[in-house]
C-alpha atoms as a PDB file:
ATOM      1  CA  MET A   1      -5.453  20.465   0.476  1.00  0.00           C
ATOM      2  CA  ARG A   2      -7.776  23.284   1.421  1.00  0.00           C
ATOM      3  CA  GLU A   3      -8.453  23.903  -2.269  1.00  0.00           C
ATOM      4  CA  HIS A   4      -9.780  20.342  -2.515  1.00  0.00           C
ATOM      5  CA  ILE A   5     -12.501  21.344  -0.068  1.00  0.00           C
ATOM      6  CA  GLU A   6     -13.158  24.695  -1.734  1.00  0.00           C
ATOM      7  CA  ASN A   7     -13.440  22.975  -5.135  1.00  0.00           C
ATOM      8  CA  LYS A   8     -15.565  20.119  -3.732  1.00  0.00           C
ATOM      9  CA  MET A   9     -13.071  17.505  -4.859  1.00  0.00           C
ATOM     10  CA  TYR A  10     -13.931  14.083  -3.482  1.00  0.00           C
ATOM     11  CA  HIS A  11     -11.118  11.843  -2.277  1.00  0.00           C
ATOM     12  CA  ILE A  12     -11.976   8.402  -3.623  1.00  0.00           C
ATOM     13  CA  GLU A  13     -10.261   5.305  -2.275  1.00  0.00           C
ATOM     14  CA  ILE A  14      -8.944   2.696  -4.705  1.00  0.00           C
ATOM     15  CA  LEU A  15      -7.496  -0.635  -3.574  1.00  0.00           C
ATOM     16  CA  PRO A  16      -4.636  -2.099  -5.653  1.00  0.00           C
ATOM     17  CA  PRO A  17      -4.807  -5.805  -6.590  1.00  0.00           C
ATOM     18  CA  LYS A  18      -3.695  -8.257  -3.917  1.00  0.00           C
ATOM     19  CA  GLN A  19      -0.442 -10.105  -4.570  1.00  0.00           C
ATOM     20  CA  GLU A  20      -2.256 -13.455  -4.398  1.00  0.00           C
ATOM     21  CA  THR A  21      -4.917 -12.603  -6.981  1.00  0.00           C
ATOM     22  CA  GLU A  22      -5.528 -15.289  -9.599  1.00  0.00           C
ATOM     23  CA  ASN A  23      -6.618 -12.832 -12.298  1.00  0.00           C
ATOM     24  CA  LEU A  24      -3.933 -10.174 -12.151  1.00  0.00           C
ATOM     25  CA  GLN A  25      -4.465  -8.790 -15.651  1.00  0.00           C
ATOM     26  CA  GLU A  26      -8.184  -8.371 -15.049  1.00  0.00           C
ATOM     27  CA  GLU A  27      -7.523  -6.752 -11.679  1.00  0.00           C
ATOM     28  CA  LEU A  28      -4.993  -4.361 -13.206  1.00  0.00           C
ATOM     29  CA  LYS A  29      -7.467  -3.448 -15.937  1.00  0.00           C
ATOM     30  CA  LEU A  30     -10.146  -2.765 -13.326  1.00  0.00           C
ATOM     31  CA  PHE A  31      -7.732  -0.655 -11.266  1.00  0.00           C
ATOM     32  CA  ALA A  32      -6.828   1.420 -14.325  1.00  0.00           C
ATOM     33  CA  GLU A  33     -10.501   1.955 -15.179  1.00  0.00           C
ATOM     34  CA  LYS A  34     -11.289   3.187 -11.661  1.00  0.00           C
ATOM     35  CA  TYR A  35      -8.169   5.342 -11.484  1.00  0.00           C
ATOM     36  CA  ASN A  36      -8.827   7.033 -14.822  1.00  0.00           C
ATOM     37  CA  LYS A  37     -12.494   7.522 -13.981  1.00  0.00           C
ATOM     38  CA  VAL A  38     -11.567   9.302 -10.749  1.00  0.00           C
ATOM     39  CA  LEU A  39      -9.026  11.570 -12.438  1.00  0.00           C
ATOM     40  CA  ASN A  40     -11.307  12.331 -15.390  1.00  0.00           C
ATOM     41  CA  GLY A  41     -14.068  13.219 -12.950  1.00  0.00           C
ATOM     42  CA  GLY A  42     -11.849  15.839 -11.347  1.00  0.00           C
ATOM     43  CA  TYR A  43     -11.511  13.922  -8.071  1.00  0.00           C
ATOM     44  CA  CYS A  44      -8.476  12.731  -6.093  1.00  0.00           C
ATOM     45  CA  ALA A  45      -7.493   9.056  -6.373  1.00  0.00           C
ATOM     46  CA  CYS A  46      -6.399   7.703  -2.975  1.00  0.00           C
ATOM     47  CA  ILE A  47      -4.461   4.447  -3.247  1.00  0.00           C
ATOM     48  CA  THR A  48      -4.210   2.212  -0.200  1.00  0.00           C
ATOM     49  CA  ASP A  49      -1.120   0.475   1.179  1.00  0.00           C
ATOM     50  CA  ASN A  50      -1.721  -3.197   2.050  1.00  0.00           C
ATOM     51  CA  ALA A  51      -5.178  -2.382   3.414  1.00  0.00           C
ATOM     52  CA  MET A  52      -6.341  -4.536   6.356  1.00  0.00           C
ATOM     53  CA  GLY A  53      -2.904  -6.192   6.349  1.00  0.00           C
ATOM     54  CA  TYR A  54      -3.406  -7.959   3.010  1.00  0.00           C
ATOM     55  CA  LEU A  55      -0.276  -7.964   0.839  1.00  0.00           C
ATOM     56  CA  ALA A  56      -1.054  -5.954  -2.289  1.00  0.00           C
ATOM     57  CA  PHE A  57       0.821  -4.302  -5.117  1.00  0.00           C
ATOM     58  CA  GLN A  58       2.054  -0.776  -4.443  1.00  0.00           C
ATOM     59  CA  GLY A  59       0.158   2.077  -6.028  1.00  0.00           C
ATOM     60  CA  THR A  60       3.308   3.613  -7.468  1.00  0.00           C
ATOM     61  CA  GLU A  61       4.435   0.384  -9.132  1.00  0.00           C
ATOM     62  CA  ILE A  62       1.018  -0.066 -10.766  1.00  0.00           C
ATOM     63  CA  ILE A  63       0.984   3.528 -12.009  1.00  0.00           C
ATOM     64  CA  GLU A  64       4.464   3.049 -13.469  1.00  0.00           C
ATOM     65  CA  HIS A  65       3.709  -0.414 -14.901  1.00  0.00           C
ATOM     66  CA  LEU A  66       0.493   0.693 -16.601  1.00  0.00           C
ATOM     67  CA  LYS A  67       1.905   4.116 -17.524  1.00  0.00           C
ATOM     68  CA  LEU A  68      -1.090   5.812 -15.945  1.00  0.00           C
ATOM     69  CA  PRO A  69      -1.215   9.616 -15.909  1.00  0.00           C
ATOM     70  CA  VAL A  70      -0.426  11.491 -12.711  1.00  0.00           C
ATOM     71  CA  PHE A  71      -1.953  14.883 -12.014  1.00  0.00           C
ATOM     72  CA  THR A  72      -0.132  16.213  -8.975  1.00  0.00           C
ATOM     73  CA  ASN A  73      -3.269  17.622  -7.378  1.00  0.00           C
ATOM     74  CA  GLN A  74      -5.323  14.454  -7.947  1.00  0.00           C
ATOM     75  CA  VAL A  75      -3.352  11.526  -6.532  1.00  0.00           C
ATOM     76  CA  MET A  76      -2.733  10.518  -2.929  1.00  0.00           C
ATOM     77  CA  ILE A  77      -0.707   7.509  -1.805  1.00  0.00           C
ATOM     78  CA  HIS A  78      -1.246   5.836   1.555  1.00  0.00           C
ATOM     79  CA  LEU A  79       2.007   4.871   3.269  1.00  0.00           C
ATOM     80  CA  ASN A  80       2.312   2.774   6.415  1.00  0.00           C
ATOM     81  CA  THR A  81       5.092   1.443   8.634  1.00  0.00           C
ATOM     82  CA  PHE A  82       5.047  -2.123   7.287  1.00  0.00           C
ATOM     83  CA  HIS A  83       7.944  -1.891   4.843  1.00  0.00           C
ATOM     84  CA  THR A  84      11.674  -2.392   4.730  1.00  0.00           C
ATOM     85  CA  LYS A  85      13.734   0.788   4.673  1.00  0.00           C
ATOM     86  CA  ALA A  86      14.732   0.069   1.068  1.00  0.00           C
ATOM     87  CA  ASP A  87      11.101  -0.361   0.003  1.00  0.00           C
ATOM     88  CA  LEU A  88      10.129   2.811   1.848  1.00  0.00           C
ATOM     89  CA  HIS A  89      12.689   4.833  -0.075  1.00  0.00           C
ATOM     90  CA  ASN A  90      11.707   3.179  -3.357  1.00  0.00           C
ATOM     91  CA  ILE A  91       8.107   4.242  -2.795  1.00  0.00           C
ATOM     92  CA  LEU A  92       9.048   7.785  -1.780  1.00  0.00           C
ATOM     93  CA  ASP A  93      11.479   8.168  -4.672  1.00  0.00           C
ATOM     94  CA  SER A  94       8.824   6.900  -7.094  1.00  0.00           C
ATOM     95  CA  CYS A  95       6.280   9.343  -5.698  1.00  0.00           C
ATOM     96  CA  LYS A  96       8.745  12.183  -6.128  1.00  0.00           C
ATOM     97  CA  SER A  97       9.642  11.241  -9.704  1.00  0.00           C
ATOM     98  CA  LEU A  98       5.987  10.708 -10.663  1.00  0.00           C
ATOM     99  CA  GLY A  99       4.957  14.054  -9.216  1.00  0.00           C
ATOM    100  CA  ILE A 100       2.831  12.636  -6.395  1.00  0.00           C
ATOM    101  CA  LYS A 101       2.939  15.042  -3.467  1.00  0.00           C
ATOM    102  CA  TYR A 102       0.066  13.915  -1.227  1.00  0.00           C
ATOM    103  CA  LEU A 103       0.829  11.109   1.223  1.00  0.00           C
ATOM    104  CA  LEU A 104      -1.476   9.770   3.933  1.00  0.00           C
ATOM    105  CA  VAL A 105       0.933   8.462   6.575  1.00  0.00           C
ATOM    106  CA  VAL A 106      -0.521   5.798   8.870  1.00  0.00           C
ATOM    107  CA  SER A 107       0.797   3.163  11.246  1.00  0.00           C
ATOM    108  CA  GLY A 108      -1.016   0.448   9.280  1.00  0.00           C
ATOM    109  CA  ASP A 109      -2.674  -2.855  10.102  1.00  0.00           C
ATOM    110  CA  GLY A 110       0.233  -5.155   9.288  1.00  0.00           C
ATOM    111  CA  SER A 111       0.445  -8.934   9.310  1.00  0.00           C
ATOM    112  CA  GLU A 112       2.985 -11.695   9.841  1.00  0.00           C
ATOM    113  CA  ARG A 113       3.740 -11.605   6.122  1.00  0.00           C
ATOM    114  CA  LEU A 114       4.767  -7.961   6.119  1.00  0.00           C
ATOM    115  CA  PRO A 115       8.113  -6.512   7.266  1.00  0.00           C
ATOM    116  CA  LYS A 116       8.082  -3.659   9.772  1.00  0.00           C
ATOM    117  CA  LEU A 117      10.226  -0.566   9.888  1.00  0.00           C
ATOM    118  CA  GLN A 118      12.563  -0.587  12.871  1.00  0.00           C
ATOM    119  CA  PRO A 119      13.437   2.501  14.936  1.00  0.00           C
ATOM    120  CA  ALA A 120      16.969   2.564  13.523  1.00  0.00           C
ATOM    121  CA  ASP A 121      15.516   2.679   9.993  1.00  0.00           C
ATOM    122  CA  VAL A 122      13.884   6.043  10.678  1.00  0.00           C
ATOM    123  CA  ASN A 123      16.532   7.605  12.934  1.00  0.00           C
ATOM    124  CA  ALA A 124      14.532   6.811  16.070  1.00  0.00           C
ATOM    125  CA  LYS A 125      16.766   4.248  17.790  1.00  0.00           C
ATOM    126  CA  GLY A 126      16.653   4.779  21.544  1.00  0.00           C
ATOM    127  CA  ILE A 127      13.634   7.072  21.157  1.00  0.00           C
ATOM    128  CA  THR A 128      10.896   4.509  20.606  1.00  0.00           C
ATOM    129  CA  ARG A 129      10.498   0.746  20.663  1.00  0.00           C
ATOM    130  CA  SER A 130       8.102   0.648  17.733  1.00  0.00           C
ATOM    131  CA  VAL A 131       7.753   2.838  14.656  1.00  0.00           C
ATOM    132  CA  THR A 132       4.382   4.573  14.377  1.00  0.00           C
ATOM    133  CA  ALA A 133       2.988   7.163  11.989  1.00  0.00           C
ATOM    134  CA  VAL A 134       4.648   9.853  14.125  1.00  0.00           C
ATOM    135  CA  GLU A 135       8.183   8.541  13.563  1.00  0.00           C
ATOM    136  CA  LEU A 136       7.472   7.924   9.883  1.00  0.00           C
ATOM    137  CA  LEU A 137       6.205  11.488   9.482  1.00  0.00           C
ATOM    138  CA  LYS A 138       9.318  12.916  11.120  1.00  0.00           C
ATOM    139  CA  TYR A 139      11.565  10.771   8.954  1.00  0.00           C
ATOM    140  CA  ILE A 140       9.903  11.749   5.679  1.00  0.00           C
ATOM    141  CA  GLU A 141       9.983  15.412   6.675  1.00  0.00           C
ATOM    142  CA  SER A 142      13.707  15.206   7.422  1.00  0.00           C
ATOM    143  CA  GLU A 143      14.748  13.089   4.430  1.00  0.00           C
ATOM    144  CA  TYR A 144      12.439  14.658   1.837  1.00  0.00           C
ATOM    145  CA  PRO A 145      11.978  18.259   3.015  1.00  0.00           C
ATOM    146  CA  ASN A 146       9.304  20.172   1.092  1.00  0.00           C
ATOM    147  CA  ASP A 147       8.720  17.289  -1.335  1.00  0.00           C
ATOM    148  CA  PHE A 148       5.407  16.084   0.076  1.00  0.00           C
ATOM    149  CA  CYS A 149       2.228  17.263   1.756  1.00  0.00           C
ATOM    150  CA  LEU A 150       1.720  14.768   4.576  1.00  0.00           C
ATOM    151  CA  GLY A 151      -1.621  13.789   6.046  1.00  0.00           C
ATOM    152  CA  VAL A 152      -2.586  11.590   8.993  1.00  0.00           C
ATOM    153  CA  ALA A 153      -5.521   9.519  10.182  1.00  0.00           C
ATOM    154  CA  PHE A 154      -7.764  10.236  13.150  1.00  0.00           C
ATOM    155  CA  ASN A 155      -9.854   7.526  14.817  1.00  0.00           C
ATOM    156  CA  PRO A 156     -12.908   8.892  16.684  1.00  0.00           C
ATOM    157  CA  TYR A 157     -13.668   5.395  18.001  1.00  0.00           C
ATOM    158  CA  GLU A 158     -10.523   5.287  20.130  1.00  0.00           C
ATOM    159  CA  PRO A 159     -10.561   6.803  23.641  1.00  0.00           C
ATOM    160  CA  ALA A 160     -10.581  10.540  22.918  1.00  0.00           C
ATOM    161  CA  GLU A 161      -7.785  11.529  25.311  1.00  0.00           C
ATOM    162  CA  HIS A 162      -5.440   8.942  23.806  1.00  0.00           C
ATOM    163  CA  GLU A 163      -6.317   9.874  20.225  1.00  0.00           C
ATOM    164  CA  TYR A 164      -5.810  13.597  20.810  1.00  0.00           C
ATOM    165  CA  GLU A 165      -2.444  12.938  22.444  1.00  0.00           C
ATOM    166  CA  LYS A 166      -1.414  11.051  19.297  1.00  0.00           C
ATOM    167  CA  LEU A 167      -2.792  13.823  17.126  1.00  0.00           C
ATOM    168  CA  ASP A 168      -0.707  16.452  18.916  1.00  0.00           C
ATOM    169  CA  ARG A 169       2.419  14.428  18.196  1.00  0.00           C
ATOM    170  CA  LYS A 170       1.410  14.023  14.549  1.00  0.00           C
ATOM    171  CA  LEU A 171       0.842  17.754  14.181  1.00  0.00           C
ATOM    172  CA  LYS A 172       4.249  18.511  15.685  1.00  0.00           C
ATOM    173  CA  ALA A 173       5.786  15.965  13.300  1.00  0.00           C
ATOM    174  CA  GLY A 174       4.498  17.865  10.274  1.00  0.00           C
ATOM    175  CA  ALA A 175       0.950  16.719   9.461  1.00  0.00           C
ATOM    176  CA  LYS A 176      -0.789  19.091   7.045  1.00  0.00           C
ATOM    177  CA  PHE A 177      -4.233  17.480   6.788  1.00  0.00           C
ATOM    178  CA  ILE A 178      -6.382  14.877   8.563  1.00  0.00           C
ATOM    179  CA  VAL A 179      -8.608  12.051   7.329  1.00  0.00           C
ATOM    180  CA  THR A 180     -10.962  10.590   9.913  1.00  0.00           C
ATOM    181  CA  GLN A 181     -11.939   6.966  10.159  1.00  0.00           C
ATOM    182  CA  PRO A 182     -15.372   6.382   8.581  1.00  0.00           C
ATOM    183  CA  ILE A 183     -18.382   7.793  10.390  1.00  0.00           C
ATOM    184  CA  ILE A 184     -22.040   7.253   9.523  1.00  0.00           C
ATOM    185  CA  GLN A 185     -23.621   9.951  11.675  1.00  0.00           C
ATOM    186  CA  LYS A 186     -22.800  13.093  13.643  1.00  0.00           C
ATOM    187  CA  ASN A 187     -19.855  12.380  15.925  1.00  0.00           C
ATOM    188  CA  ASP A 188     -18.997  14.435  19.023  1.00  0.00           C
ATOM    189  CA  VAL A 189     -15.300  13.560  18.850  1.00  0.00           C
ATOM    190  CA  VAL A 190     -15.113  14.700  15.225  1.00  0.00           C
ATOM    191  CA  ASP A 191     -16.975  17.894  16.158  1.00  0.00           C
ATOM    192  CA  LYS A 192     -14.243  18.661  18.678  1.00  0.00           C
ATOM    193  CA  LEU A 193     -11.536  17.770  16.145  1.00  0.00           C
ATOM    194  CA  ILE A 194     -12.769  20.415  13.719  1.00  0.00           C
ATOM    195  CA  ASP A 195     -12.623  23.096  16.410  1.00  0.00           C
ATOM    196  CA  TYR A 196      -9.288  21.777  17.685  1.00  0.00           C
ATOM    197  CA  CYS A 197      -7.318  21.905  14.424  1.00  0.00           C
ATOM    198  CA  SER A 198      -6.492  24.640  11.968  1.00  0.00           C
ATOM    199  CA  ILE A 199      -5.507  22.214   9.192  1.00  0.00           C
ATOM    200  CA  PRO A 200      -7.995  20.725   6.670  1.00  0.00           C
ATOM    201  CA  VAL A 201     -10.117  17.806   7.891  1.00  0.00           C
ATOM    202  CA  PHE A 202     -11.605  15.192   5.567  1.00  0.00           C
ATOM    203  CA  ILE A 203     -14.535  13.133   6.822  1.00  0.00           C
ATOM    204  CA  GLU A 204     -14.377   9.526   5.674  1.00  0.00           C
ATOM    205  CA  ALA A 205     -17.768   8.320   4.467  1.00  0.00           C
ATOM    206  CA  TRP A 206     -18.509   4.592   4.422  1.00  0.00           C
ATOM    207  CA  MET A 207     -20.038   3.818   1.018  1.00  0.00           C
ATOM    208  CA  SER A 208     -20.727   0.102   1.523  1.00  0.00           C
ATOM    209  CA  LYS A 209     -24.021  -1.138   2.954  1.00  0.00           C
ATOM    210  CA  LYS A 210     -22.067  -3.737   4.937  1.00  0.00           C
ATOM    211  CA  ILE A 211     -21.698  -2.251   8.408  1.00  0.00           C
ATOM    212  CA  SER A 212     -19.896  -5.410   9.550  1.00  0.00           C
ATOM    213  CA  LEU A 213     -16.982  -4.462   7.289  1.00  0.00           C
ATOM    214  CA  LEU A 214     -16.918  -1.026   8.885  1.00  0.00           C
ATOM    215  CA  SER A 215     -16.587  -2.654  12.303  1.00  0.00           C
ATOM    216  CA  GLN A 216     -13.576  -4.601  11.022  1.00  0.00           C
ATOM    217  CA  ALA A 217     -12.036  -1.468   9.533  1.00  0.00           C
ATOM    218  CA  VAL A 218     -12.252   0.680  12.672  1.00  0.00           C
ATOM    219  CA  GLY A 219     -11.673  -2.082  15.212  1.00  0.00           C
ATOM    220  CA  TYR A 220     -14.857  -1.368  17.137  1.00  0.00           C
ATOM    221  CA  GLU A 221     -18.337  -2.852  16.906  1.00  0.00           C
ATOM    222  CA  ILE A 222     -20.744  -0.662  14.940  1.00  0.00           C
ATOM    223  CA  PRO A 223     -24.400  -1.727  15.333  1.00  0.00           C
ATOM    224  CA  GLU A 224     -25.936  -3.207  12.178  1.00  0.00           C
ATOM    225  CA  ASN A 225     -28.585  -1.084  10.481  1.00  0.00           C
ATOM    226  CA  GLU A 226     -30.596  -2.600   7.654  1.00  0.00           C
ATOM    227  CA  GLN A 227     -31.873   0.872   6.744  1.00  0.00           C
ATOM    228  CA  PHE A 228     -28.358   2.277   6.248  1.00  0.00           C
ATOM    229  CA  ASP A 229     -28.151   4.140   2.933  1.00  0.00           C
ATOM    230  CA  PRO A 230     -24.601   5.280   2.053  1.00  0.00           C
ATOM    231  CA  ILE A 231     -25.695   7.956  -0.431  1.00  0.00           C
ATOM    232  CA  GLU A 232     -28.216   9.523   1.934  1.00  0.00           C
ATOM    233  CA  THR A 233     -25.661   9.332   4.737  1.00  0.00           C
ATOM    234  CA  LEU A 234     -23.110  11.137   2.564  1.00  0.00           C
ATOM    235  CA  LYS A 235     -25.631  13.919   1.940  1.00  0.00           C
ATOM    236  CA  MET A 236     -26.222  14.179   5.680  1.00  0.00           C
ATOM    237  CA  LEU A 237     -22.499  14.338   6.461  1.00  0.00           C
ATOM    238  CA  HIS A 238     -22.057  17.164   3.948  1.00  0.00           C
ATOM    239  CA  LYS A 239     -24.730  19.184   5.735  1.00  0.00           C
ATOM    240  CA  ILE A 240     -23.276  18.546   9.183  1.00  0.00           C
ATOM    241  CA  TYR A 241     -19.624  18.994   8.207  1.00  0.00           C
ATOM    242  CA  SER A 242     -19.903  21.539   5.408  1.00  0.00           C
ATOM    243  CA  GLN A 243     -16.481  23.000   6.239  1.00  0.00           C
ATOM    244  CA  CYS A 244     -14.752  19.631   5.716  1.00  0.00           C
ATOM    245  CA  GLY A 245     -13.652  17.569   2.760  1.00  0.00           C
ATOM    246  CA  ALA A 246     -14.985  14.095   2.011  1.00  0.00           C
ATOM    247  CA  TYR A 247     -13.082  10.827   1.601  1.00  0.00           C
ATOM    248  CA  LEU A 248     -15.142   7.990   0.113  1.00  0.00           C
ATOM    249  CA  SER A 249     -14.190   4.421   1.001  1.00  0.00           C
ATOM    250  CA  ILE A 250     -15.582   1.275  -0.677  1.00  0.00           C
ATOM    251  CA  LEU A 251     -17.339   3.367  -3.322  1.00  0.00           C
ATOM    252  CA  GLY A 252     -19.419   1.335  -5.772  1.00  0.00           C
ATOM    253  CA  PHE A 253     -18.116   2.495  -9.147  1.00  0.00           C
ATOM    254  CA  LYS A 254     -20.954   0.827 -11.059  1.00  0.00           C
ATOM    255  CA  THR A 255     -23.797   1.885  -8.777  1.00  0.00           C
ATOM    256  CA  GLN A 256     -22.663   5.011  -6.908  1.00  0.00           C
ATOM    257  CA  TYR A 257     -19.997   6.866  -8.885  1.00  0.00           C
ATOM    258  CA  ALA A 258     -22.466   8.577 -11.226  1.00  0.00           C
ATOM    259  CA  LEU A 259     -24.528   9.778  -8.258  1.00  0.00           C
ATOM    260  CA  ILE A 260     -21.869  11.668  -6.320  1.00  0.00           C
ATOM    261  CA  LYS A 261     -21.448  14.523  -8.813  1.00  0.00           C
ATOM    262  CA  ASP A 262     -24.808  15.966  -7.780  1.00  0.00           C
ATOM    263  CA  ILE A 263     -24.380  15.613  -4.006  1.00  0.00           C
ATOM    264  CA  TRP A 264     -21.687  18.071  -2.933  1.00  0.00           C
END
């Protein structure tokens, strides 16, 4: 992952079509266009896993269904705890066979419609009451040793002491890189994170003008700012966190994609 930073390779988030979409073929076509554009641009395509708790198609099944190319260094799959054990192994086996090595392991948002891994599913019965990213990390490391490079999320909006305690457990479980929740300005907690860790850190940049959506994503109220400019903010974040990588969420492919090549 460190070479992604050295080579100024953006991580660009792509959301798969929701299961309930009425125009699946159009959505699949749009996904393929975004995916290929990211790979052809030399960036890393980061595919979400039921983002915000909405049931969506899995990134691996879309890649297989559409026969999309996979460049090992340019694809990352998000993986959360809201799966059955069988589905979890199907996803991991597909990643392995496709040559996908980067996984961002998160607890996930979840919903009543989604199943949840149980402690016994990940060899954690009697150790924990609920499966989190920590248990999932440990399980993947034990069941698929050396097959994947596992990353984790870091939320600077949570109470710092609690978040760092979780981070320590994630690092011990095998985390090799970190992606922060989106920030739109210099953040003291993120500053400390960079000094705290020796593994690569990727700053998530919010590329939508809708700050209200950011509040929903991080679970904390972010004050509205009518002057917020995602592109200018991205430039600022690069200057402040020049030693870090950049993960772009909600990127406008029609309006912003062509602009990012000249920023980093």
